[in-house]
Amino acid sequence: MVRISEFQLKDVVSISDGRKLGNIGDIDINLDTGKIESIIVGGSGKVFGFFGKEEEFIIPWNSIVKIGADVILVRFRDQSYMQQQLQEPK
């Protein structure tokens, strides 16, 4: 069993590109079934919560590939991030 406080400390990483998405800020629970429907990940865009715009990602529970000791691996592909990577000069 895992406590939510332990769950929130783990880094959430996309297996499609290896990018750290952030940490779990919240979870959606279906009250009828008692099951977790999705996790809500706050992005790592803010500095001490003050500067910049923090992205929020909603990741369905069935997109979680593996929950490890320090990391949660998810299947996630953010279209805006992919477009930004294509536009940046190398």
PDB file of N, CA and C in Angstrom:
ATOM      1  N   MET A   1       0.839  -1.177   0.000  1.00  0.00           N
ATOM      2  CA  MET A   1       0.000   0.000   0.000  1.00  0.00           C
ATOM      3  C   MET A   1       0.886   1.244   0.000  1.00  0.00           C
ATOM      4  N   VAL A   2       0.404   2.301  -0.672  1.00  0.00           N
ATOM      5  CA  VAL A   2       1.156   3.548  -0.770  1.00  0.00           C
ATOM      6  C   VAL A   2       0.273   4.686  -0.276  1.00  0.00           C
ATOM      7  N   ARG A   3       0.841   5.541   0.555  1.00  0.00           N
ATOM      8  CA  ARG A   3       0.111   6.714   1.032  1.00  0.00           C
ATOM      9  C   ARG A   3       0.189   7.813  -0.026  1.00  0.00           C
ATOM     10  N   ILE A   4      -0.819   8.660  -0.074  1.00  0.00           N
ATOM     11  CA  ILE A   4      -0.834   9.751  -1.043  1.00  0.00           C
ATOM     12  C   ILE A   4       0.373  10.660  -0.838  1.00  0.00           C
ATOM     13  N   SER A   5       0.760  10.909   0.397  1.00  0.00           N
ATOM     14  CA  SER A   5       1.918  11.775   0.657  1.00  0.00           C
ATOM     15  C   SER A   5       3.203  11.186   0.058  1.00  0.00           C
ATOM     16  N   GLU A   6       3.350   9.871   0.064  1.00  0.00           N
ATOM     17  CA  GLU A   6       4.513   9.220  -0.562  1.00  0.00           C
ATOM     18  C   GLU A   6       4.398   9.274  -2.083  1.00  0.00           C
ATOM     19  N   PHE A   7       3.192   9.124  -2.572  1.00  0.00           N
ATOM     20  CA  PHE A   7       2.890   9.156  -4.000  1.00  0.00           C
ATOM     21  C   PHE A   7       3.253  10.520  -4.598  1.00  0.00           C
ATOM     22  N   GLN A   8       2.993  11.593  -3.851  1.00  0.00           N
ATOM     23  CA  GLN A   8       3.241  12.952  -4.331  1.00  0.00           C
ATOM     24  C   GLN A   8       4.726  13.297  -4.419  1.00  0.00           C
ATOM     25  N   LEU A   9       5.568  12.569  -3.742  1.00  0.00           N
ATOM     26  CA  LEU A   9       7.010  12.841  -3.766  1.00  0.00           C
ATOM     27  C   LEU A   9       7.702  12.277  -5.004  1.00  0.00           C
ATOM     28  N   LYS A  10       7.056  11.351  -5.665  1.00  0.00           N
ATOM     29  CA  LYS A  10       7.665  10.694  -6.825  1.00  0.00           C
ATOM     30  C   LYS A  10       7.604  11.604  -8.058  1.00  0.00           C
ATOM     31  N   ASP A  11       8.663  11.591  -8.867  1.00  0.00           N
ATOM     32  CA  ASP A  11       8.676  12.316 -10.132  1.00  0.00           C
ATOM     33  C   ASP A  11       7.849  11.558 -11.153  1.00  0.00           C
ATOM     34  N   VAL A  12       7.061  12.276 -11.935  1.00  0.00           N
ATOM     35  CA  VAL A  12       6.280  11.673 -13.012  1.00  0.00           C
ATOM     36  C   VAL A  12       7.029  11.926 -14.312  1.00  0.00           C
ATOM     37  N   VAL A  13       7.369  10.837 -15.031  1.00  0.00           N
ATOM     38  CA  VAL A  13       8.192  10.912 -16.236  1.00  0.00           C
ATOM     39  C   VAL A  13       7.466  10.256 -17.396  1.00  0.00           C
ATOM     40  N   SER A  14       7.480  10.936 -18.543  1.00  0.00           N
ATOM     41  CA  SER A  14       6.875  10.399 -19.755  1.00  0.00           C
ATOM     42  C   SER A  14       7.829   9.413 -20.415  1.00  0.00           C
ATOM     43  N   ILE A  15       7.344   8.212 -20.728  1.00  0.00           N
ATOM     44  CA  ILE A  15       8.215   7.228 -21.378  1.00  0.00           C
ATOM     45  C   ILE A  15       8.390   7.523 -22.861  1.00  0.00           C
ATOM     46  N   SER A  16       7.519   8.390 -23.430  1.00  0.00           N
ATOM     47  CA  SER A  16       7.632   8.681 -24.864  1.00  0.00           C
ATOM     48  C   SER A  16       8.839   9.552 -25.185  1.00  0.00           C
ATOM     49  N   ASP A  17       9.231  10.447 -24.258  1.00  0.00           N
ATOM     50  CA  ASP A  17      10.378  11.312 -24.528  1.00  0.00           C
ATOM     51  C   ASP A  17      11.322  11.491 -23.339  1.00  0.00           C
ATOM     52  N   GLY A  18      11.036  10.825 -22.221  1.00  0.00           N
ATOM     53  CA  GLY A  18      11.915  10.887 -21.053  1.00  0.00           C
ATOM     54  C   GLY A  18      11.812  12.180 -20.267  1.00  0.00           C
ATOM     55  N   ARG A  19      10.844  13.014 -20.595  1.00  0.00           N
ATOM     56  CA  ARG A  19      10.706  14.320 -19.953  1.00  0.00           C
ATOM     57  C   ARG A  19      10.020  14.188 -18.600  1.00  0.00           C
ATOM     58  N   LYS A  20      10.572  14.904 -17.606  1.00  0.00           N
ATOM     59  CA  LYS A  20       9.938  14.960 -16.290  1.00  0.00           C
ATOM     60  C   LYS A  20       8.760  15.918 -16.388  1.00  0.00           C
ATOM     61  N   LEU A  21       7.571  15.429 -16.063  1.00  0.00           N
ATOM     62  CA  LEU A  21       6.365  16.234 -16.151  1.00  0.00           C
ATOM     63  C   LEU A  21       6.101  17.020 -14.874  1.00  0.00           C
ATOM     64  N   GLY A  22       6.615  16.537 -13.765  1.00  0.00           N
ATOM     65  CA  GLY A  22       6.397  17.196 -12.477  1.00  0.00           C
ATOM     66  C   GLY A  22       6.064  16.171 -11.413  1.00  0.00           C
ATOM     67  N   ASN A  23       5.320  16.617 -10.416  1.00  0.00           N
ATOM     68  CA  ASN A  23       4.899  15.751  -9.323  1.00  0.00           C
ATOM     69  C   ASN A  23       3.382  15.768  -9.232  1.00  0.00           C
ATOM     70  N   ILE A  24       2.831  14.747  -8.619  1.00  0.00           N
ATOM     71  CA  ILE A  24       1.379  14.660  -8.483  1.00  0.00           C
ATOM     72  C   ILE A  24       0.898  15.722  -7.502  1.00  0.00           C
ATOM     73  N   GLY A  25      -0.044  16.525  -7.976  1.00  0.00           N
ATOM     74  CA  GLY A  25      -0.620  17.553  -7.129  1.00  0.00           C
ATOM     75  C   GLY A  25      -1.981  17.143  -6.592  1.00  0.00           C
ATOM     76  N   ASP A  26      -2.672  16.277  -7.360  1.00  0.00           N
ATOM     77  CA  ASP A  26      -4.014  15.870  -6.968  1.00  0.00           C
ATOM     78  C   ASP A  26      -4.367  14.568  -7.674  1.00  0.00           C
ATOM     79  N   ILE A  27      -5.442  13.954  -7.248  1.00  0.00           N
ATOM     80  CA  ILE A  27      -5.938  12.746  -7.909  1.00  0.00           C
ATOM     81  C   ILE A  27      -7.449  12.870  -8.068  1.00  0.00           C
ATOM     82  N   ASP A  28      -7.979  12.257  -9.116  1.00  0.00           N
ATOM     83  CA  ASP A  28      -9.426  12.182  -9.324  1.00  0.00           C
ATOM     84  C   ASP A  28      -9.878  10.785  -8.930  1.00  0.00           C
ATOM     85  N   ILE A  29     -10.833  10.728  -8.012  1.00  0.00           N
ATOM     86  CA  ILE A  29     -11.367   9.448  -7.543  1.00  0.00           C
ATOM     87  C   ILE A  29     -12.834   9.355  -7.916  1.00  0.00           C
ATOM     88  N   ASN A  30     -13.221   8.234  -8.500  1.00  0.00           N
ATOM     89  CA  ASN A  30     -14.622   7.966  -8.797  1.00  0.00           C
ATOM     90  C   ASN A  30     -15.271   7.524  -7.480  1.00  0.00           C
ATOM     91  N   LEU A  31     -16.178   8.344  -6.973  1.00  0.00           N
ATOM     92  CA  LEU A  31     -16.787   8.057  -5.670  1.00  0.00           C
ATOM     93  C   LEU A  31     -17.714   6.847  -5.701  1.00  0.00           C
ATOM     94  N   ASP A  32     -18.239   6.519  -6.890  1.00  0.00           N
ATOM     95  CA  ASP A  32     -19.119   5.347  -6.983  1.00  0.00           C
ATOM     96  C   ASP A  32     -18.338   4.043  -6.888  1.00  0.00           C
ATOM     97  N   THR A  33     -17.168   4.010  -7.530  1.00  0.00           N
ATOM     98  CA  THR A  33     -16.376   2.778  -7.547  1.00  0.00           C
ATOM     99  C   THR A  33     -15.234   2.786  -6.531  1.00  0.00           C
ATOM    100  N   GLY A  34     -14.840   3.976  -6.084  1.00  0.00           N
ATOM    101  CA  GLY A  34     -13.723   4.081  -5.153  1.00  0.00           C
ATOM    102  C   GLY A  34     -12.371   3.946  -5.833  1.00  0.00           C
ATOM    103  N   LYS A  35     -12.349   3.981  -7.165  1.00  0.00           N
ATOM    104  CA  LYS A  35     -11.104   3.820  -7.915  1.00  0.00           C
ATOM    105  C   LYS A  35     -10.555   5.166  -8.370  1.00  0.00           C
ATOM    106  N   ILE A  36      -9.232   5.220  -8.479  1.00  0.00           N
ATOM    107  CA  ILE A  36      -8.586   6.423  -9.000  1.00  0.00           C
ATOM    108  C   ILE A  36      -8.785   6.457 -10.512  1.00  0.00           C
ATOM    109  N   GLU A  37      -9.328   7.566 -11.012  1.00  0.00           N
ATOM    110  CA  GLU A  37      -9.576   7.728 -12.445  1.00  0.00           C
ATOM    111  C   GLU A  37      -8.363   8.338 -13.148  1.00  0.00           C
ATOM    112  N   SER A  38      -7.736   9.336 -12.498  1.00  0.00           N
ATOM    113  CA  SER A  38      -6.594  10.006 -13.119  1.00  0.00           C
ATOM    114  C   SER A  38      -5.751  10.694 -12.053  1.00  0.00           C
ATOM    115  N   ILE A  39      -4.527  11.039 -12.459  1.00  0.00           N
ATOM    116  CA  ILE A  39      -3.658  11.831 -11.602  1.00  0.00           C
ATOM    117  C   ILE A  39      -3.488  13.196 -12.257  1.00  0.00           C
ATOM    118  N   ILE A  40      -3.342  14.209 -11.441  1.00  0.00           N
ATOM    119  CA  ILE A  40      -3.137  15.562 -11.944  1.00  0.00           C
ATOM    120  C   ILE A  40      -1.730  15.972 -11.547  1.00  0.00           C
ATOM    121  N   VAL A  41      -0.929  16.258 -12.569  1.00  0.00           N
ATOM    122  CA  VAL A  41       0.482  16.556 -12.368  1.00  0.00           C
ATOM    123  C   VAL A  41       0.709  18.039 -12.600  1.00  0.00           C
ATOM    124  N   GLY A  42       1.255  18.695 -11.598  1.00  0.00           N
ATOM    125  CA  GLY A  42       1.643  20.096 -11.751  1.00  0.00           C
ATOM    126  C   GLY A  42       3.008  20.137 -12.394  1.00  0.00           C
ATOM    127  N   GLY A  43       3.149  20.919 -13.445  1.00  0.00           N
ATOM    128  CA  GLY A  43       4.425  21.000 -14.164  1.00  0.00           C
ATOM    129  C   GLY A  43       5.506  21.651 -13.337  1.00  0.00           C
ATOM    130  N   SER A  44       6.722  21.603 -13.839  1.00  0.00           N
ATOM    131  CA  SER A  44       7.866  22.160 -13.119  1.00  0.00           C
ATOM    132  C   SER A  44       8.232  23.533 -13.659  1.00  0.00           C
ATOM    133  N   GLY A  45       7.235  24.306 -14.130  1.00  0.00           N
ATOM    134  CA  GLY A  45       7.497  25.599 -14.743  1.00  0.00           C
ATOM    135  C   GLY A  45       7.668  26.744 -13.771  1.00  0.00           C
ATOM    136  N   LYS A  46       7.225  26.609 -12.545  1.00  0.00           N
ATOM    137  CA  LYS A  46       7.305  27.715 -11.596  1.00  0.00           C
ATOM    138  C   LYS A  46       8.533  27.594 -10.702  1.00  0.00           C
ATOM    139  N   VAL A  47       9.029  28.735 -10.261  1.00  0.00           N
ATOM    140  CA  VAL A  47      10.123  28.774  -9.306  1.00  0.00           C
ATOM    141  C   VAL A  47       9.521  29.163  -7.958  1.00  0.00           C
ATOM    142  N   PHE A  48       9.560  28.287  -7.007  1.00  0.00           N
ATOM    143  CA  PHE A  48       8.994  28.499  -5.686  1.00  0.00           C
ATOM    144  C   PHE A  48       7.512  28.883  -5.745  1.00  0.00           C
ATOM    145  N   GLY A  49       6.822  28.487  -6.843  1.00  0.00           N
ATOM    146  CA  GLY A  49       5.409  28.766  -6.972  1.00  0.00           C
ATOM    147  C   GLY A  49       5.068  30.201  -7.332  1.00  0.00           C
ATOM    148  N   PHE A  50       6.061  31.049  -7.632  1.00  0.00           N
ATOM    149  CA  PHE A  50       5.794  32.460  -7.885  1.00  0.00           C
ATOM    150  C   PHE A  50       5.926  32.871  -9.343  1.00  0.00           C
ATOM    151  N   PHE A  51       6.986  32.430 -10.008  1.00  0.00           N
ATOM    152  CA  PHE A  51       7.306  32.942 -11.332  1.00  0.00           C
ATOM    153  C   PHE A  51       6.968  31.931 -12.417  1.00  0.00           C
ATOM    154  N   GLY A  52       6.476  32.431 -13.526  1.00  0.00           N
ATOM    155  CA  GLY A  52       6.207  31.554 -14.659  1.00  0.00           C
ATOM    156  C   GLY A  52       4.823  30.938 -14.578  1.00  0.00           C
ATOM    157  N   LYS A  53       4.470  30.276 -15.644  1.00  0.00           N
ATOM    158  CA  LYS A  53       3.172  29.619 -15.735  1.00  0.00           C
ATOM    159  C   LYS A  53       3.361  28.129 -15.536  1.00  0.00           C
ATOM    160  N   GLU A  54       2.636  27.591 -14.604  1.00  0.00           N
ATOM    161  CA  GLU A  54       2.732  26.163 -14.332  1.00  0.00           C
ATOM    162  C   GLU A  54       1.708  25.412 -15.171  1.00  0.00           C
ATOM    163  N   GLU A  55       2.184  24.458 -15.939  1.00  0.00           N
ATOM    164  CA  GLU A  55       1.279  23.623 -16.715  1.00  0.00           C
ATOM    165  C   GLU A  55       0.724  22.543 -15.802  1.00  0.00           C
ATOM    166  N   GLU A  56      -0.468  22.102 -16.130  1.00  0.00           N
ATOM    167  CA  GLU A  56      -1.088  21.014 -15.388  1.00  0.00           C
ATOM    168  C   GLU A  56      -1.448  19.927 -16.388  1.00  0.00           C
ATOM    169  N   PHE A  57      -1.077  18.701 -16.077  1.00  0.00           N
ATOM    170  CA  PHE A  57      -1.355  17.571 -16.951  1.00  0.00           C
ATOM    171  C   PHE A  57      -2.309  16.626 -16.241  1.00  0.00           C
ATOM    172  N   ILE A  58      -3.359  16.214 -16.937  1.00  0.00           N
ATOM    173  CA  ILE A  58      -4.275  15.211 -16.402  1.00  0.00           C
ATOM    174  C   ILE A  58      -3.956  13.901 -17.112  1.00  0.00           C
ATOM    175  N   ILE A  59      -3.535  12.930 -16.338  1.00  0.00           N
ATOM    176  CA  ILE A  59      -3.098  11.655 -16.897  1.00  0.00           C
ATOM    177  C   ILE A  59      -4.028  10.547 -16.399  1.00  0.00           C
ATOM    178  N   PRO A  60      -4.723   9.881 -17.318  1.00  0.00           N
ATOM    179  CA  PRO A  60      -5.612   8.778 -16.914  1.00  0.00           C
ATOM    180  C   PRO A  60      -4.823   7.679 -16.182  1.00  0.00           C
ATOM    181  N   TRP A  61      -5.464   7.067 -15.224  1.00  0.00           N
ATOM    182  CA  TRP A  61      -4.820   6.017 -14.433  1.00  0.00           C
ATOM    183  C   TRP A  61      -4.293   4.886 -15.305  1.00  0.00           C
ATOM    184  N   ASN A  62      -5.022   4.556 -16.388  1.00  0.00           N
ATOM    185  CA  ASN A  62      -4.582   3.450 -17.240  1.00  0.00           C
ATOM    186  C   ASN A  62      -3.368   3.826 -18.109  1.00  0.00           C
ATOM    187  N   SER A  63      -2.920   5.087 -18.054  1.00  0.00           N
ATOM    188  CA  SER A  63      -1.709   5.502 -18.768  1.00  0.00           C
ATOM    189  C   SER A  63      -0.447   5.349 -17.921  1.00  0.00           C
ATOM    190  N   ILE A  64      -0.621   4.953 -16.658  1.00  0.00           N
ATOM    191  CA  ILE A  64       0.533   4.713 -15.796  1.00  0.00           C
ATOM    192  C   ILE A  64       1.124   3.359 -16.157  1.00  0.00           C
ATOM    193  N   VAL A  65       2.419   3.364 -16.485  1.00  0.00           N
ATOM    194  CA  VAL A  65       3.104   2.141 -16.899  1.00  0.00           C
ATOM    195  C   VAL A  65       3.707   1.433 -15.698  1.00  0.00           C
ATOM    196  N   LYS A  66       4.371   2.202 -14.819  1.00  0.00           N
ATOM    197  CA  LYS A  66       5.079   1.594 -13.686  1.00  0.00           C
ATOM    198  C   LYS A  66       5.198   2.609 -12.567  1.00  0.00           C
ATOM    199  N   ILE A  67       4.974   2.163 -11.354  1.00  0.00           N
ATOM    200  CA  ILE A  67       5.202   2.991 -10.168  1.00  0.00           C
ATOM    201  C   ILE A  67       6.407   2.397  -9.454  1.00  0.00           C
ATOM    202  N   GLY A  68       7.504   3.138  -9.473  1.00  0.00           N
ATOM    203  CA  GLY A  68       8.739   2.677  -8.853  1.00  0.00           C
ATOM    204  C   GLY A  68       8.979   3.343  -7.514  1.00  0.00           C
ATOM    205  N   ALA A  69      10.156   3.117  -6.968  1.00  0.00           N
ATOM    206  CA  ALA A  69      10.510   3.676  -5.666  1.00  0.00           C
ATOM    207  C   ALA A  69      10.597   5.199  -5.704  1.00  0.00           C
ATOM    208  N   ASP A  70      11.110   5.765  -6.804  1.00  0.00           N
ATOM    209  CA  ASP A  70      11.315   7.209  -6.901  1.00  0.00           C
ATOM    210  C   ASP A  70      10.576   7.874  -8.048  1.00  0.00           C
ATOM    211  N   VAL A  71      10.029   7.081  -8.952  1.00  0.00           N
ATOM    212  CA  VAL A  71       9.481   7.645 -10.177  1.00  0.00           C
ATOM    213  C   VAL A  71       8.204   6.917 -10.597  1.00  0.00           C
ATOM    214  N   ILE A  72       7.338   7.653 -11.299  1.00  0.00           N
ATOM    215  CA  ILE A  72       6.138   7.071 -11.897  1.00  0.00           C
ATOM    216  C   ILE A  72       6.278   7.257 -13.398  1.00  0.00           C
ATOM    217  N   LEU A  73       6.302   6.158 -14.138  1.00  0.00           N
ATOM    218  CA  LEU A  73       6.431   6.216 -15.593  1.00  0.00           C
ATOM    219  C   LEU A  73       5.042   6.201 -16.220  1.00  0.00           C
ATOM    220  N   VAL A  74       4.803   7.147 -17.145  1.00  0.00           N
ATOM    221  CA  VAL A  74       3.493   7.259 -17.771  1.00  0.00           C
ATOM    222  C   VAL A  74       3.614   7.351 -19.288  1.00  0.00           C
ATOM    223  N   ARG A  75       2.564   6.925 -19.979  1.00  0.00           N
ATOM    224  CA  ARG A  75       2.455   7.134 -21.425  1.00  0.00           C
ATOM    225  C   ARG A  75       1.774   8.478 -21.606  1.00  0.00           C
ATOM    226  N   PHE A  76       2.531   9.461 -22.063  1.00  0.00           N
ATOM    227  CA  PHE A  76       1.986  10.804 -22.199  1.00  0.00           C
ATOM    228  C   PHE A  76       2.714  11.523 -23.319  1.00  0.00           C
ATOM    229  N   ARG A  77       1.940  12.139 -24.194  1.00  0.00           N
ATOM    230  CA  ARG A  77       2.513  12.908 -25.294  1.00  0.00           C
ATOM    231  C   ARG A  77       1.754  14.225 -25.371  1.00  0.00           C
ATOM    232  N   ASP A  78       2.408  15.288 -24.989  1.00  0.00           N
ATOM    233  CA  ASP A  78       1.811  16.614 -24.993  1.00  0.00           C
ATOM    234  C   ASP A  78       2.048  17.262 -26.348  1.00  0.00           C
ATOM    235  N   GLN A  79       0.988  17.562 -27.078  1.00  0.00           N
ATOM    236  CA  GLN A  79       1.113  18.095 -28.436  1.00  0.00           C
ATOM    237  C   GLN A  79       1.821  19.451 -28.461  1.00  0.00           C
ATOM    238  N   SER A  80       1.542  20.331 -27.502  1.00  0.00           N
ATOM    239  CA  SER A  80       2.185  21.647 -27.516  1.00  0.00           C
ATOM    240  C   SER A  80       3.688  21.515 -27.291  1.00  0.00           C
ATOM    241  N   TYR A  81       4.098  20.566 -26.455  1.00  0.00           N
ATOM    242  CA  TYR A  81       5.522  20.344 -26.223  1.00  0.00           C
ATOM    243  C   TYR A  81       6.186  19.798 -27.483  1.00  0.00           C
ATOM    244  N   MET A  82       5.512  18.884 -28.163  1.00  0.00           N
ATOM    245  CA  MET A  82       6.074  18.302 -29.381  1.00  0.00           C
ATOM    246  C   MET A  82       6.239  19.374 -30.460  1.00  0.00           C
ATOM    247  N   GLN A  83       5.266  20.278 -30.617  1.00  0.00           N
ATOM    248  CA  GLN A  83       5.365  21.346 -31.606  1.00  0.00           C
ATOM    249  C   GLN A  83       6.493  22.295 -31.266  1.00  0.00           C
ATOM    250  N   GLN A  84       6.665  22.599 -29.983  1.00  0.00           N
ATOM    251  CA  GLN A  84       7.733  23.492 -29.542  1.00  0.00           C
ATOM    252  C   GLN A  84       9.094  22.880 -29.864  1.00  0.00           C
ATOM    253  N   GLN A  85       9.264  21.596 -29.670  1.00  0.00           N
ATOM    254  CA  GLN A  85      10.533  20.936 -29.939  1.00  0.00           C
ATOM    255  C   GLN A  85      10.855  20.970 -31.436  1.00  0.00           C
ATOM    256  N   LEU A  86       9.837  20.870 -32.281  1.00  0.00           N
ATOM    257  CA  LEU A  86      10.051  20.912 -33.735  1.00  0.00           C
ATOM    258  C   LEU A  86      10.444  22.291 -34.223  1.00  0.00           C
ATOM    259  N   GLN A  87       9.981  23.335 -33.521  1.00  0.00           N
ATOM    260  CA  GLN A  87      10.238  24.705 -33.946  1.00  0.00           C
ATOM    261  C   GLN A  87      11.578  25.243 -33.447  1.00  0.00           C
ATOM    262  N   GLU A  88      12.110  24.723 -32.363  1.00  0.00           N
ATOM    263  CA  GLU A  88      13.359  25.235 -31.800  1.00  0.00           C
ATOM    264  C   GLU A  88      14.544  24.865 -32.680  1.00  0.00           C
ATOM    265  N   PRO A  89      15.439  25.842 -32.960  1.00  0.00           N
ATOM    266  CA  PRO A  89      16.640  25.537 -33.740  1.00  0.00           C
ATOM    267  C   PRO A  89      17.596  24.668 -32.941  1.00  0.00           C
ATOM    268  N   LYS A  90      18.311  23.815 -33.655  1.00  0.00           N
ATOM    269  CA  LYS A  90      19.227  22.900 -32.952  1.00  0.00           C
ATOM    270  C   LYS A  90      20.642  23.328 -33.125  1.00  0.00           C
TER     271      LYS A  90
END
